[in-house]
C-alpha atoms as a PDB file:
ATOM      1  CA  MET A   1     -14.464 -18.951  -6.057  1.00  0.00           C
ATOM      2  CA  THR A   2     -16.505 -21.385  -7.990  1.00  0.00           C
ATOM      3  CA  GLY A   3     -18.494 -20.922 -11.045  1.00  0.00           C
ATOM      4  CA  SER A   4     -18.385 -17.244 -11.535  1.00  0.00           C
ATOM      5  CA  PRO A   5     -14.891 -15.733 -12.328  1.00  0.00           C
ATOM      6  CA  ILE A   6     -13.240 -13.469  -9.779  1.00  0.00           C
ATOM      7  CA  ARG A   7     -14.174  -9.915 -10.599  1.00  0.00           C
ATOM      8  CA  ILE A   8     -11.135  -7.537 -10.014  1.00  0.00           C
ATOM      9  CA  LEU A   9     -10.440  -3.762  -9.918  1.00  0.00           C
ATOM     10  CA  ILE A  10      -6.904  -2.758 -10.731  1.00  0.00           C
ATOM     11  CA  VAL A  11      -5.652   0.268  -9.193  1.00  0.00           C
ATOM     12  CA  ASP A  12      -2.372   1.511 -10.273  1.00  0.00           C
ATOM     13  CA  ASP A  13      -1.236   5.016 -11.989  1.00  0.00           C
ATOM     14  CA  HIS A  14       0.860   3.376 -14.871  1.00  0.00           C
ATOM     15  CA  VAL A  15      -1.398   2.251 -17.923  1.00  0.00           C
ATOM     16  CA  ILE A  16       1.480  -0.055 -18.903  1.00  0.00           C
ATOM     17  CA  VAL A  17       1.519  -1.817 -15.638  1.00  0.00           C
ATOM     18  CA  ARG A  18      -2.377  -2.352 -15.741  1.00  0.00           C
ATOM     19  CA  GLU A  19      -2.010  -3.660 -19.049  1.00  0.00           C
ATOM     20  CA  GLY A  20       0.564  -6.104 -18.159  1.00  0.00           C
ATOM     21  CA  ILE A  21      -1.554  -7.400 -15.193  1.00  0.00           C
ATOM     22  CA  LYS A  22      -4.535  -7.738 -17.408  1.00  0.00           C
ATOM     23  CA  ALA A  23      -2.560  -9.788 -19.646  1.00  0.00           C
ATOM     24  CA  ILE A  24      -1.314 -12.178 -16.994  1.00  0.00           C
ATOM     25  CA  LEU A  25      -5.060 -12.477 -15.614  1.00  0.00           C
ATOM     26  CA  ALA A  26      -6.438 -13.223 -18.974  1.00  0.00           C
ATOM     27  CA  GLN A  27      -4.467 -16.338 -19.051  1.00  0.00           C
ATOM     28  CA  LEU A  28      -5.985 -17.703 -15.772  1.00  0.00           C
ATOM     29  CA  GLY A  29      -9.359 -18.351 -16.833  1.00  0.00           C
ATOM     30  CA  ASP A  30     -11.004 -17.713 -13.423  1.00  0.00           C
ATOM     31  CA  THR A  31     -10.593 -13.953 -13.105  1.00  0.00           C
ATOM     32  CA  GLN A  32     -12.102 -11.011 -14.931  1.00  0.00           C
ATOM     33  CA  VAL A  33     -10.922  -7.383 -14.802  1.00  0.00           C
ATOM     34  CA  VAL A  34     -14.027  -5.388 -14.516  1.00  0.00           C
ATOM     35  CA  ALA A  35     -12.569  -2.046 -13.936  1.00  0.00           C
ATOM     36  CA  GLU A  36      -9.390   0.076 -13.499  1.00  0.00           C
ATOM     37  CA  ALA A  37      -8.280   3.207 -12.004  1.00  0.00           C
ATOM     38  CA  GLY A  38      -5.278   5.437 -11.767  1.00  0.00           C
ATOM     39  CA  ASP A  39      -5.792   7.341  -8.405  1.00  0.00           C
ATOM     40  CA  ALA A  40      -7.903   7.057  -5.301  1.00  0.00           C
ATOM     41  CA  PRO A  41     -11.003   9.113  -6.369  1.00  0.00           C
ATOM     42  CA  SER A  42     -11.299   7.066  -9.595  1.00  0.00           C
ATOM     43  CA  ALA A  43     -10.861   3.860  -7.645  1.00  0.00           C
ATOM     44  CA  MET A  44     -13.735   4.706  -5.289  1.00  0.00           C
ATOM     45  CA  ARG A  45     -15.954   5.599  -8.187  1.00  0.00           C
ATOM     46  CA  GLN A  46     -15.241   2.447  -9.801  1.00  0.00           C
ATOM     47  CA  LEU A  47     -16.243   0.587  -6.578  1.00  0.00           C
ATOM     48  CA  GLY A  48     -19.298   2.347  -6.651  1.00  0.00           C
ATOM     49  CA  ALA A  49     -20.189   1.484 -10.296  1.00  0.00           C
ATOM     50  CA  HIS A  50     -19.076  -2.099 -10.396  1.00  0.00           C
ATOM     51  CA  GLN A  51     -19.522  -5.460  -8.571  1.00  0.00           C
ATOM     52  CA  VAL A  52     -15.988  -6.282  -7.384  1.00  0.00           C
ATOM     53  CA  ASP A  53     -14.730  -9.334  -5.850  1.00  0.00           C
ATOM     54  CA  LEU A  54     -10.989  -7.948  -5.229  1.00  0.00           C
ATOM     55  CA  VAL A  55      -8.926  -5.096  -5.486  1.00  0.00           C
ATOM     56  CA  LEU A  56      -5.268  -5.140  -6.707  1.00  0.00           C
ATOM     57  CA  LEU A  57      -3.850  -1.993  -5.259  1.00  0.00           C
ATOM     58  CA  ASP A  58      -0.540  -0.127  -5.690  1.00  0.00           C
ATOM     59  CA  ILE A  59       0.928   2.009  -3.020  1.00  0.00           C
ATOM     60  CA  GLY A  60       2.469   4.708  -5.062  1.00  0.00           C
ATOM     61  CA  LEU A  61      -0.390   6.540  -6.351  1.00  0.00           C
ATOM     62  CA  PRO A  62      -0.708  10.200  -7.220  1.00  0.00           C
ATOM     63  CA  GLY A  63      -2.370  12.459  -4.604  1.00  0.00           C
ATOM     64  CA  ARG A  64      -3.680  10.144  -1.824  1.00  0.00           C
ATOM     65  CA  SER A  65      -1.447   7.230  -1.284  1.00  0.00           C
ATOM     66  CA  GLY A  66      -2.388   3.498  -1.669  1.00  0.00           C
ATOM     67  CA  VAL A  67      -2.205   3.242   2.136  1.00  0.00           C
ATOM     68  CA  ASP A  68      -4.829   5.819   2.535  1.00  0.00           C
ATOM     69  CA  LEU A  69      -6.931   4.437  -0.052  1.00  0.00           C
ATOM     70  CA  LEU A  70      -6.666   0.925   1.481  1.00  0.00           C
ATOM     71  CA  LYS A  71      -8.131   2.382   4.783  1.00  0.00           C
ATOM     72  CA  GLN A  72     -11.121   4.057   2.862  1.00  0.00           C
ATOM     73  CA  ILE A  73     -11.912   0.784   1.070  1.00  0.00           C
ATOM     74  CA  LYS A  74     -11.901  -1.254   4.224  1.00  0.00           C
ATOM     75  CA  ALA A  75     -14.039   1.369   5.913  1.00  0.00           C
ATOM     76  CA  GLU A  76     -16.620   1.671   3.190  1.00  0.00           C
ATOM     77  CA  TYR A  77     -16.193  -2.093   2.051  1.00  0.00           C
ATOM     78  CA  ALA A  78     -15.342  -3.912   4.954  1.00  0.00           C
ATOM     79  CA  HIS A  79     -15.355  -7.676   3.602  1.00  0.00           C
ATOM     80  CA  LEU A  80     -13.848  -6.694   0.087  1.00  0.00           C
ATOM     81  CA  PRO A  81     -10.310  -8.156  -0.155  1.00  0.00           C
ATOM     82  CA  VAL A  82      -7.507  -5.996  -1.161  1.00  0.00           C
ATOM     83  CA  LEU A  83      -4.226  -7.324  -2.388  1.00  0.00           C
ATOM     84  CA  VAL A  84      -1.360  -4.691  -2.482  1.00  0.00           C
ATOM     85  CA  LEU A  85       0.931  -5.093  -5.477  1.00  0.00           C
ATOM     86  CA  SER A  86       3.805  -2.714  -5.197  1.00  0.00           C
ATOM     87  CA  ASN A  87       7.304  -1.895  -6.245  1.00  0.00           C
ATOM     88  CA  TYR A  88       8.335  -1.622  -2.794  1.00  0.00           C
ATOM     89  CA  PRO A  89      10.084  -4.404  -1.013  1.00  0.00           C
ATOM     90  CA  GLU A  90       7.805  -6.353   1.186  1.00  0.00           C
ATOM     91  CA  ASP A  91       9.890  -5.520   4.368  1.00  0.00           C
ATOM     92  CA  GLN A  92       8.977  -1.768   3.853  1.00  0.00           C
ATOM     93  CA  TYR A  93       5.264  -1.881   3.491  1.00  0.00           C
ATOM     94  CA  ALA A  94       3.920  -5.322   3.878  1.00  0.00           C
ATOM     95  CA  VAL A  95       3.336  -5.503   7.683  1.00  0.00           C
ATOM     96  CA  ARG A  96       1.972  -1.989   7.688  1.00  0.00           C
ATOM     97  CA  VAL A  97      -0.735  -2.576   5.001  1.00  0.00           C
ATOM     98  CA  ILE A  98      -1.583  -6.057   6.501  1.00  0.00           C
ATOM     99  CA  LYS A  99      -2.252  -4.397   9.889  1.00  0.00           C
ATOM    100  CA  GLN A 100      -4.643  -2.131   7.822  1.00  0.00           C
ATOM    101  CA  GLY A 101      -6.603  -4.922   6.559  1.00  0.00           C
ATOM    102  CA  ALA A 102      -4.874  -6.009   3.307  1.00  0.00           C
ATOM    103  CA  ALA A 103      -5.321  -9.503   2.228  1.00  0.00           C
ATOM    104  CA  GLY A 104      -1.893  -9.715   1.105  1.00  0.00           C
ATOM    105  CA  TYR A 105       1.489  -7.973  -0.259  1.00  0.00           C
ATOM    106  CA  LEU A 106       3.071  -8.966  -3.395  1.00  0.00           C
ATOM    107  CA  THR A 107       6.065  -6.892  -5.227  1.00  0.00           C
ATOM    108  CA  LYS A 108       5.627  -6.303  -8.938  1.00  0.00           C
ATOM    109  CA  GLU A 109       8.554  -8.880  -9.334  1.00  0.00           C
ATOM    110  CA  SER A 110       6.619 -11.706  -8.241  1.00  0.00           C
ATOM    111  CA  ALA A 111       5.870 -14.639 -10.674  1.00  0.00           C
ATOM    112  CA  PRO A 112       2.504 -14.766 -12.313  1.00  0.00           C
ATOM    113  CA  ASP A 113       1.641 -18.144 -10.585  1.00  0.00           C
ATOM    114  CA  LEU A 114       2.233 -16.430  -7.185  1.00  0.00           C
ATOM    115  CA  LEU A 115       0.027 -13.596  -8.138  1.00  0.00           C
ATOM    116  CA  ALA A 116      -2.598 -16.075  -9.224  1.00  0.00           C
ATOM    117  CA  ALA A 117      -2.295 -18.112  -6.032  1.00  0.00           C
ATOM    118  CA  ALA A 118      -2.737 -14.815  -3.884  1.00  0.00           C
ATOM    119  CA  ILE A 119      -5.659 -13.588  -5.807  1.00  0.00           C
ATOM    120  CA  ARG A 120      -7.571 -17.106  -5.463  1.00  0.00           C
ATOM    121  CA  LYS A 121      -6.622 -17.265  -1.656  1.00  0.00           C
ATOM    122  CA  ALA A 122      -7.759 -13.693  -0.960  1.00  0.00           C
ATOM    123  CA  ALA A 123     -11.025 -14.125  -2.799  1.00  0.00           C
ATOM    124  CA  GLN A 124     -11.813 -17.085  -0.795  1.00  0.00           C
ATOM    125  CA  GLY A 125     -11.325 -15.115   2.386  1.00  0.00           C
ATOM    126  CA  GLY A 126      -7.802 -15.846   3.275  1.00  0.00           C
ATOM    127  CA  LYS A 127      -4.496 -13.884   3.335  1.00  0.00           C
ATOM    128  CA  TYR A 128      -1.463 -14.201   1.352  1.00  0.00           C
ATOM    129  CA  ILE A 129       1.436 -13.763   3.736  1.00  0.00           C
ATOM    130  CA  SER A 130       5.068 -14.913   2.891  1.00  0.00           C
ATOM    131  CA  PRO A 131       7.045 -16.521   5.613  1.00  0.00           C
ATOM    132  CA  SER A 132       9.186 -13.407   6.159  1.00  0.00           C
ATOM    133  CA  VAL A 133       6.178 -11.273   6.687  1.00  0.00           C
ATOM    134  CA  ALA A 134       4.587 -13.872   8.834  1.00  0.00           C
ATOM    135  CA  GLU A 135       7.829 -13.610  10.987  1.00  0.00           C
ATOM    136  CA  ARG A 136       7.475  -9.810  11.246  1.00  0.00           C
ATOM    137  CA  LEU A 137       3.863  -9.926  12.375  1.00  0.00           C
ATOM    138  CA  PHE A 138       4.786 -12.497  14.934  1.00  0.00           C
ATOM    139  CA  GLU A 139       7.633 -10.169  16.204  1.00  0.00           C
ATOM    140  CA  ALA A 140       5.233  -7.268  16.125  1.00  0.00           C
ATOM    141  CA  VAL A 141       2.791  -9.046  18.525  1.00  0.00           C
ATOM    142  CA  GLY A 142       5.415  -9.292  21.297  1.00  0.00           C
ATOM    143  CA  THR A 143       6.920  -5.877  21.150  1.00  0.00           C
ATOM    144  CA  ARG A 144       5.424  -2.367  20.517  1.00  0.00           C
ATOM    145  CA  HIS A 145       7.847  -1.703  17.597  1.00  0.00           C
ATOM    146  CA  SER A 146      10.105  -4.106  15.959  1.00  0.00           C
ATOM    147  CA  GLY A 147      12.527  -3.842  13.106  1.00  0.00           C
ATOM    148  CA  MET A 148      13.621  -0.638  11.393  1.00  0.00           C
ATOM    149  CA  PRO A 149      13.143   2.722  12.905  1.00  0.00           C
ATOM    150  CA  HIS A 150      10.560   3.950  10.318  1.00  0.00           C
ATOM    151  CA  GLU A 151       8.391   1.122  11.455  1.00  0.00           C
ATOM    152  CA  ALA A 152       7.615   2.858  14.608  1.00  0.00           C
ATOM    153  CA  LEU A 153       5.982   5.829  12.809  1.00  0.00           C
ATOM    154  CA  SER A 154       2.208   6.160  12.605  1.00  0.00           C
ATOM    155  CA  ASP A 155       0.736   5.965   9.126  1.00  0.00           C
ATOM    156  CA  ARG A 156       0.366   9.817   8.783  1.00  0.00           C
ATOM    157  CA  GLU A 157       3.949  10.168  10.097  1.00  0.00           C
ATOM    158  CA  PHE A 158       5.308   7.821   7.617  1.00  0.00           C
ATOM    159  CA  ASP A 159       3.504   9.663   4.905  1.00  0.00           C
ATOM    160  CA  VAL A 160       4.982  12.930   6.040  1.00  0.00           C
ATOM    161  CA  PHE A 161       8.489  11.416   6.353  1.00  0.00           C
ATOM    162  CA  LYS A 162       8.249  10.211   2.824  1.00  0.00           C
ATOM    163  CA  MET A 163       7.249  13.666   1.463  1.00  0.00           C
ATOM    164  CA  ILE A 164      10.102  15.244   3.509  1.00  0.00           C
ATOM    165  CA  ALA A 165      12.482  12.690   2.110  1.00  0.00           C
ATOM    166  CA  ALA A 166      11.468  13.600  -1.356  1.00  0.00           C
ATOM    167  CA  GLY A 167      12.103  17.154  -0.885  1.00  0.00           C
ATOM    168  CA  LYS A 168       8.755  18.672   0.039  1.00  0.00           C
ATOM    169  CA  SER A 169       8.634  21.635   2.137  1.00  0.00           C
ATOM    170  CA  LEU A 170       6.533  21.716   5.395  1.00  0.00           C
ATOM    171  CA  THR A 171       4.281  24.319   3.733  1.00  0.00           C
ATOM    172  CA  ALA A 172       3.654  22.107   0.545  1.00  0.00           C
ATOM    173  CA  ILE A 173       2.861  19.144   2.854  1.00  0.00           C
ATOM    174  CA  ALA A 174       0.462  21.158   4.955  1.00  0.00           C
ATOM    175  CA  GLU A 175      -1.395  22.164   1.628  1.00  0.00           C
ATOM    176  CA  HIS A 176      -1.338  18.613   0.591  1.00  0.00           C
ATOM    177  CA  TYR A 177      -3.038  17.342   3.780  1.00  0.00           C
ATOM    178  CA  ASN A 178      -5.017  20.522   4.304  1.00  0.00           C
ATOM    179  CA  VAL A 179      -3.668  21.012   7.804  1.00  0.00           C
ATOM    180  CA  SER A 180      -1.467  23.803   9.461  1.00  0.00           C
ATOM    181  CA  VAL A 181       2.213  24.035   8.992  1.00  0.00           C
ATOM    182  CA  LYS A 182       2.393  23.664  12.711  1.00  0.00           C
ATOM    183  CA  THR A 183       0.896  20.257  12.567  1.00  0.00           C
ATOM    184  CA  VAL A 184       3.295  19.173   9.984  1.00  0.00           C
ATOM    185  CA  SER A 185       6.196  20.604  12.153  1.00  0.00           C
ATOM    186  CA  THR A 186       4.840  18.432  14.856  1.00  0.00           C
ATOM    187  CA  HIS A 187       4.819  15.495  12.944  1.00  0.00           C
ATOM    188  CA  ARG A 188       8.463  16.180  11.765  1.00  0.00           C
ATOM    189  CA  THR A 189       9.380  16.324  15.424  1.00  0.00           C
ATOM    190  CA  ARG A 190       7.981  13.035  16.307  1.00  0.00           C
ATOM    191  CA  ILE A 191       9.439  11.496  13.147  1.00  0.00           C
ATOM    192  CA  LEU A 192      13.019  12.627  14.269  1.00  0.00           C
ATOM    193  CA  GLU A 193      12.564  11.419  17.754  1.00  0.00           C
ATOM    194  CA  LYS A 194      11.308   8.125  16.651  1.00  0.00           C
ATOM    195  CA  THR A 195      14.011   7.609  14.062  1.00  0.00           C
ATOM    196  CA  ALA A 196      16.977   9.254  16.000  1.00  0.00           C
ATOM    197  CA  LEU A 197      17.619  11.303  12.773  1.00  0.00           C
ATOM    198  CA  THR A 198      18.454  15.072  13.160  1.00  0.00           C
ATOM    199  CA  SER A 199      17.798  16.729   9.793  1.00  0.00           C
ATOM    200  CA  ASN A 200      15.819  16.559   6.578  1.00  0.00           C
ATOM    201  CA  ALA A 201      19.074  15.460   4.874  1.00  0.00           C
ATOM    202  CA  ASP A 202      19.057  12.564   7.285  1.00  0.00           C
ATOM    203  CA  ILE A 203      15.653  11.773   6.373  1.00  0.00           C
ATOM    204  CA  THR A 204      16.280  11.721   2.769  1.00  0.00           C
ATOM    205  CA  ARG A 205      19.424   9.601   2.977  1.00  0.00           C
ATOM    206  CA  TYR A 206      17.813   7.067   5.143  1.00  0.00           C
ATOM    207  CA  ALA A 207      14.769   6.907   2.864  1.00  0.00           C
ATOM    208  CA  LEU A 208      17.039   6.277  -0.030  1.00  0.00           C
ATOM    209  CA  GLU A 209      19.162   3.636   1.743  1.00  0.00           C
ATOM    210  CA  HIS A 210      16.103   1.679   2.640  1.00  0.00           C
ATOM    211  CA  GLY A 211      14.161   2.011  -0.466  1.00  0.00           C
ATOM    212  CA  LEU A 212      11.418   3.994   0.808  1.00  0.00           C
ATOM    213  CA  ILE A 213      11.556   6.501  -2.022  1.00  0.00           C
ATOM    214  CA  GLN A 214      12.824   6.107  -5.691  1.00  0.00           C
END
């Protein structure tokens, strides 16, 4: 970007996090936070109301996840760069969101200068990919599934996996996605098959051990 500042939408459900990000960006000189949102519906409204050059997106949003929101943004604003900024370690989500079109993935522990570099690169049409994520992407090209068992799950299966791990019942999950309990049960069966786990308790233990839920 040259001349005009990079116009940014921050999507995070924690006000204190948004304020912290805004404080960091205010020091850069070439960025401008033009809007912020705490959930997916608000984010889409803000995108409709403001000219935005880049979205900083959290994964752990209430209601629809950041991964689902990423898909919608890329479907409706195909050329809009989306940087994911998350609490989750990059080895859990980075490859998944980059495959969905994200321009990069950073953890909230990243240094401010790294965030600045990623924003500038994404705004210019590039992607911020760390060496470890690049290696995982390269491995994924050669094999259908690589790495941890949960990486074999589809996006919907992964969302259901996390909800089961968090103690949600199949009925509650079905109501959340507005589908039948039978559909959710089918997802659960596939999850168990793909991960070689045998029960909901196993799913919860696995998710905790690998930092997939907090």
